[in-house]
């Protein structure tokens, strides 16, 4: 099955496909089972849910969650011109 036939959230043949949340999967090139343009659009459209009025990261309780949220935001903003 090619990556073009996969449904969002469905893993490819790579056994750890859905575990890739910080970089694209080697098998299909998606992050967490979502094509890159879709995941960037998701983050950019939901910035009000990610960043509060005073700039704090919402919903990020632990250091790991905050770092992951910052990384995802940096990925989205770095690729905004590709949407």
N, C-alpha and C. Protein backbone atom coordinates (compact mmCIF):
# COMPACT_ATOMS: atom_id res chain seq x y z
N UNK A 1 0.84 -1.17 0.00
CA UNK A 1 0.00 0.00 0.00
C UNK A 1 0.89 1.24 0.00
N UNK A 2 0.64 2.18 -0.89
CA UNK A 2 1.45 3.39 -0.94
C UNK A 2 0.91 4.42 0.04
N UNK A 3 1.72 5.45 0.30
CA UNK A 3 1.29 6.46 1.26
C UNK A 3 0.07 7.23 0.77
N UNK A 4 -0.17 7.25 -0.54
CA UNK A 4 -1.32 7.97 -1.08
C UNK A 4 -2.62 7.24 -0.81
N UNK A 5 -2.56 5.96 -0.50
CA UNK A 5 -3.77 5.17 -0.22
C UNK A 5 -4.08 5.09 1.27
N UNK A 6 -3.19 5.58 2.10
CA UNK A 6 -3.38 5.48 3.55
C UNK A 6 -4.36 6.54 4.04
N UNK A 7 -5.17 6.15 4.99
CA UNK A 7 -6.10 7.06 5.65
C UNK A 7 -5.34 7.74 6.78
N UNK A 8 -5.64 9.02 7.07
CA UNK A 8 -4.98 9.71 8.18
C UNK A 8 -5.11 8.89 9.46
N UNK A 9 -3.98 8.69 10.13
CA UNK A 9 -3.96 7.94 11.38
C UNK A 9 -3.73 6.45 11.20
N UNK A 10 -3.72 5.99 9.96
CA UNK A 10 -3.47 4.57 9.68
C UNK A 10 -1.97 4.36 9.46
N UNK A 11 -1.35 3.34 10.09
CA UNK A 11 0.08 3.12 9.90
C UNK A 11 0.41 2.53 8.54
N UNK A 12 1.62 2.81 8.07
CA UNK A 12 2.11 2.15 6.86
C UNK A 12 2.74 0.82 7.26
N UNK A 13 3.55 0.25 6.39
CA UNK A 13 4.18 -1.03 6.70
C UNK A 13 5.27 -0.94 7.78
N UNK A 14 5.80 0.27 8.00
CA UNK A 14 6.84 0.46 9.02
C UNK A 14 6.23 0.20 10.39
N UNK A 15 6.80 -0.70 11.16
CA UNK A 15 6.16 -1.14 12.40
C UNK A 15 6.02 -0.04 13.46
N UNK A 16 6.81 1.00 13.38
CA UNK A 16 6.71 2.10 14.34
C UNK A 16 6.17 3.38 13.70
N UNK A 17 5.46 3.25 12.62
CA UNK A 17 4.96 4.39 11.86
C UNK A 17 4.28 5.43 12.74
N UNK A 18 3.32 5.03 13.53
CA UNK A 18 2.54 5.99 14.32
C UNK A 18 3.31 6.53 15.51
N UNK A 19 4.47 5.96 15.80
CA UNK A 19 5.30 6.46 16.90
C UNK A 19 6.12 7.67 16.48
N UNK A 20 6.19 7.95 15.20
CA UNK A 20 6.97 9.09 14.71
C UNK A 20 6.17 10.36 14.93
N UNK A 21 6.55 11.11 15.99
CA UNK A 21 5.85 12.37 16.27
C UNK A 21 6.78 13.57 16.16
N UNK A 22 8.08 13.34 16.07
CA UNK A 22 9.01 14.47 15.97
C UNK A 22 9.68 14.54 14.60
N UNK A 23 9.52 13.51 13.79
CA UNK A 23 10.12 13.50 12.46
C UNK A 23 9.32 12.54 11.58
N UNK A 24 9.43 12.69 10.27
CA UNK A 24 8.66 11.83 9.37
C UNK A 24 9.06 10.36 9.45
N UNK A 25 8.09 9.49 9.25
CA UNK A 25 8.31 8.04 9.21
C UNK A 25 9.17 7.71 7.99
N UNK A 26 10.09 6.78 8.17
CA UNK A 26 10.94 6.36 7.07
C UNK A 26 10.16 5.62 5.98
N UNK A 27 9.04 5.02 6.37
CA UNK A 27 8.25 4.25 5.41
C UNK A 27 7.33 5.08 4.53
N UNK A 28 6.65 6.07 5.14
CA UNK A 28 5.63 6.81 4.38
C UNK A 28 5.84 8.32 4.37
N UNK A 29 6.75 8.83 5.20
CA UNK A 29 7.02 10.26 5.22
C UNK A 29 6.02 11.08 6.02
N UNK A 30 5.11 10.42 6.75
CA UNK A 30 4.11 11.15 7.54
C UNK A 30 4.57 11.25 9.00
N UNK A 31 3.97 12.18 9.73
CA UNK A 31 4.24 12.31 11.16
C UNK A 31 2.99 11.86 11.90
N UNK A 32 3.12 10.83 12.73
CA UNK A 32 1.97 10.32 13.48
C UNK A 32 0.84 9.85 12.59
N UNK A 33 1.17 9.40 11.39
CA UNK A 33 0.14 8.92 10.47
C UNK A 33 -0.61 10.01 9.74
N UNK A 34 -0.11 11.25 9.78
CA UNK A 34 -0.77 12.36 9.12
C UNK A 34 0.21 12.98 8.12
N UNK A 35 -0.23 13.20 6.87
CA UNK A 35 0.66 13.84 5.88
C UNK A 35 1.15 15.20 6.38
N UNK A 36 2.36 15.55 6.06
CA UNK A 36 2.96 16.77 6.58
C UNK A 36 2.16 18.03 6.30
N UNK A 37 1.70 18.32 5.09
CA UNK A 37 0.92 19.56 4.91
C UNK A 37 -0.32 19.60 5.81
N UNK A 38 -0.98 18.47 6.02
CA UNK A 38 -2.16 18.43 6.87
C UNK A 38 -1.81 18.74 8.32
N UNK A 39 -0.69 18.18 8.78
CA UNK A 39 -0.32 18.40 10.18
C UNK A 39 0.09 19.84 10.40
N UNK A 40 0.78 20.47 9.44
CA UNK A 40 1.14 21.87 9.58
C UNK A 40 -0.11 22.72 9.62
N UNK A 41 -1.04 22.45 8.73
CA UNK A 41 -2.28 23.23 8.67
C UNK A 41 -3.05 23.10 10.00
N UNK A 42 -3.07 21.89 10.55
CA UNK A 42 -3.76 21.65 11.83
C UNK A 42 -3.17 22.53 12.92
N UNK A 43 -1.85 22.56 13.04
CA UNK A 43 -1.22 23.37 14.08
C UNK A 43 -1.47 24.85 13.85
N UNK A 44 -1.36 25.30 12.63
CA UNK A 44 -1.52 26.72 12.36
C UNK A 44 -2.96 27.18 12.54
N UNK A 45 -3.93 26.34 12.19
CA UNK A 45 -5.33 26.70 12.35
C UNK A 45 -5.76 26.70 13.81
N UNK A 46 -5.04 25.97 14.65
CA UNK A 46 -5.42 25.84 16.05
C UNK A 46 -4.46 26.54 17.00
N UNK A 47 -3.79 27.57 16.51
CA UNK A 47 -2.82 28.27 17.36
C UNK A 47 -3.46 28.80 18.64
N UNK A 48 -4.72 29.24 18.57
CA UNK A 48 -5.37 29.78 19.76
C UNK A 48 -5.56 28.70 20.83
N UNK A 49 -5.54 27.42 20.43
CA UNK A 49 -5.64 26.33 21.40
C UNK A 49 -4.27 25.90 21.91
N UNK A 50 -3.21 26.32 21.21
CA UNK A 50 -1.85 25.92 21.57
C UNK A 50 -1.17 27.00 22.39
N UNK A 51 -1.40 28.27 22.01
CA UNK A 51 -0.73 29.38 22.68
C UNK A 51 -1.77 30.29 23.31
N UNK A 52 -1.63 30.54 24.59
CA UNK A 52 -2.56 31.41 25.31
C UNK A 52 -2.29 32.88 25.03
N UNK A 53 -3.14 33.74 25.56
CA UNK A 53 -3.06 35.18 25.32
C UNK A 53 -1.72 35.77 25.76
N UNK A 54 -1.12 35.22 26.80
CA UNK A 54 0.16 35.76 27.28
C UNK A 54 1.36 34.97 26.73
N UNK A 55 1.12 34.11 25.74
CA UNK A 55 2.21 33.38 25.09
C UNK A 55 2.55 32.04 25.69
N UNK A 56 1.83 31.62 26.73
CA UNK A 56 2.10 30.31 27.35
C UNK A 56 1.54 29.18 26.47
N UNK A 57 2.17 28.02 26.58
CA UNK A 57 1.69 26.85 25.85
C UNK A 57 0.57 26.20 26.65
N UNK A 58 -0.60 26.14 26.07
CA UNK A 58 -1.76 25.59 26.76
C UNK A 58 -1.76 24.07 26.68
N UNK A 59 -2.19 23.42 27.72
CA UNK A 59 -2.32 21.97 27.73
C UNK A 59 -1.01 21.23 27.85
N UNK A 60 0.08 21.93 28.02
CA UNK A 60 1.39 21.30 28.15
C UNK A 60 1.78 21.33 29.63
N UNK A 61 1.53 20.24 30.32
CA UNK A 61 1.75 20.19 31.76
C UNK A 61 3.18 19.82 32.13
N UNK A 62 3.77 18.91 31.37
CA UNK A 62 5.12 18.45 31.71
C UNK A 62 6.15 19.11 30.80
N UNK A 63 7.39 19.02 31.19
CA UNK A 63 8.48 19.56 30.37
C UNK A 63 8.48 18.89 29.00
N UNK A 64 8.28 17.58 28.96
CA UNK A 64 8.28 16.87 27.69
C UNK A 64 7.13 17.36 26.79
N UNK A 65 5.94 17.56 27.36
CA UNK A 65 4.81 18.06 26.57
C UNK A 65 5.08 19.46 26.05
N UNK A 66 5.71 20.31 26.87
CA UNK A 66 6.03 21.67 26.42
C UNK A 66 7.05 21.64 25.29
N UNK A 67 8.08 20.82 25.43
CA UNK A 67 9.10 20.73 24.39
C UNK A 67 8.52 20.17 23.09
N UNK A 68 7.65 19.17 23.20
CA UNK A 68 7.02 18.58 22.02
C UNK A 68 6.11 19.62 21.34
N UNK A 69 5.36 20.37 22.12
CA UNK A 69 4.49 21.41 21.56
C UNK A 69 5.32 22.49 20.86
N UNK A 70 6.44 22.88 21.47
CA UNK A 70 7.31 23.89 20.84
C UNK A 70 7.89 23.37 19.53
N UNK A 71 8.32 22.11 19.52
CA UNK A 71 8.88 21.51 18.32
C UNK A 71 7.84 21.47 17.20
N UNK A 72 6.62 21.03 17.52
CA UNK A 72 5.56 20.96 16.52
C UNK A 72 5.23 22.35 15.99
N UNK A 73 5.23 23.34 16.84
CA UNK A 73 4.95 24.70 16.41
C UNK A 73 6.07 25.21 15.50
N UNK A 74 7.32 24.93 15.86
CA UNK A 74 8.44 25.35 15.00
C UNK A 74 8.35 24.69 13.64
N UNK A 75 8.01 23.40 13.59
CA UNK A 75 7.87 22.69 12.32
C UNK A 75 6.80 23.36 11.47
N UNK A 76 5.64 23.62 12.09
CA UNK A 76 4.53 24.24 11.36
C UNK A 76 4.91 25.61 10.82
N UNK A 77 5.52 26.45 11.65
CA UNK A 77 5.86 27.80 11.22
C UNK A 77 6.97 27.81 10.18
N UNK A 78 7.89 26.87 10.29
CA UNK A 78 8.98 26.80 9.31
C UNK A 78 8.48 26.39 7.93
N UNK A 79 7.33 25.75 7.89
CA UNK A 79 6.81 25.24 6.63
C UNK A 79 5.53 25.93 6.19
N UNK A 80 5.22 27.09 6.75
CA UNK A 80 3.98 27.77 6.43
C UNK A 80 3.89 28.12 4.94
N UNK A 81 5.00 28.40 4.31
CA UNK A 81 4.99 28.76 2.89
C UNK A 81 4.68 27.57 1.99
N UNK A 82 4.69 26.35 2.52
CA UNK A 82 4.43 25.15 1.73
C UNK A 82 2.96 24.72 1.77
N UNK A 83 2.13 25.43 2.51
CA UNK A 83 0.71 25.07 2.62
C UNK A 83 -0.04 25.43 1.36
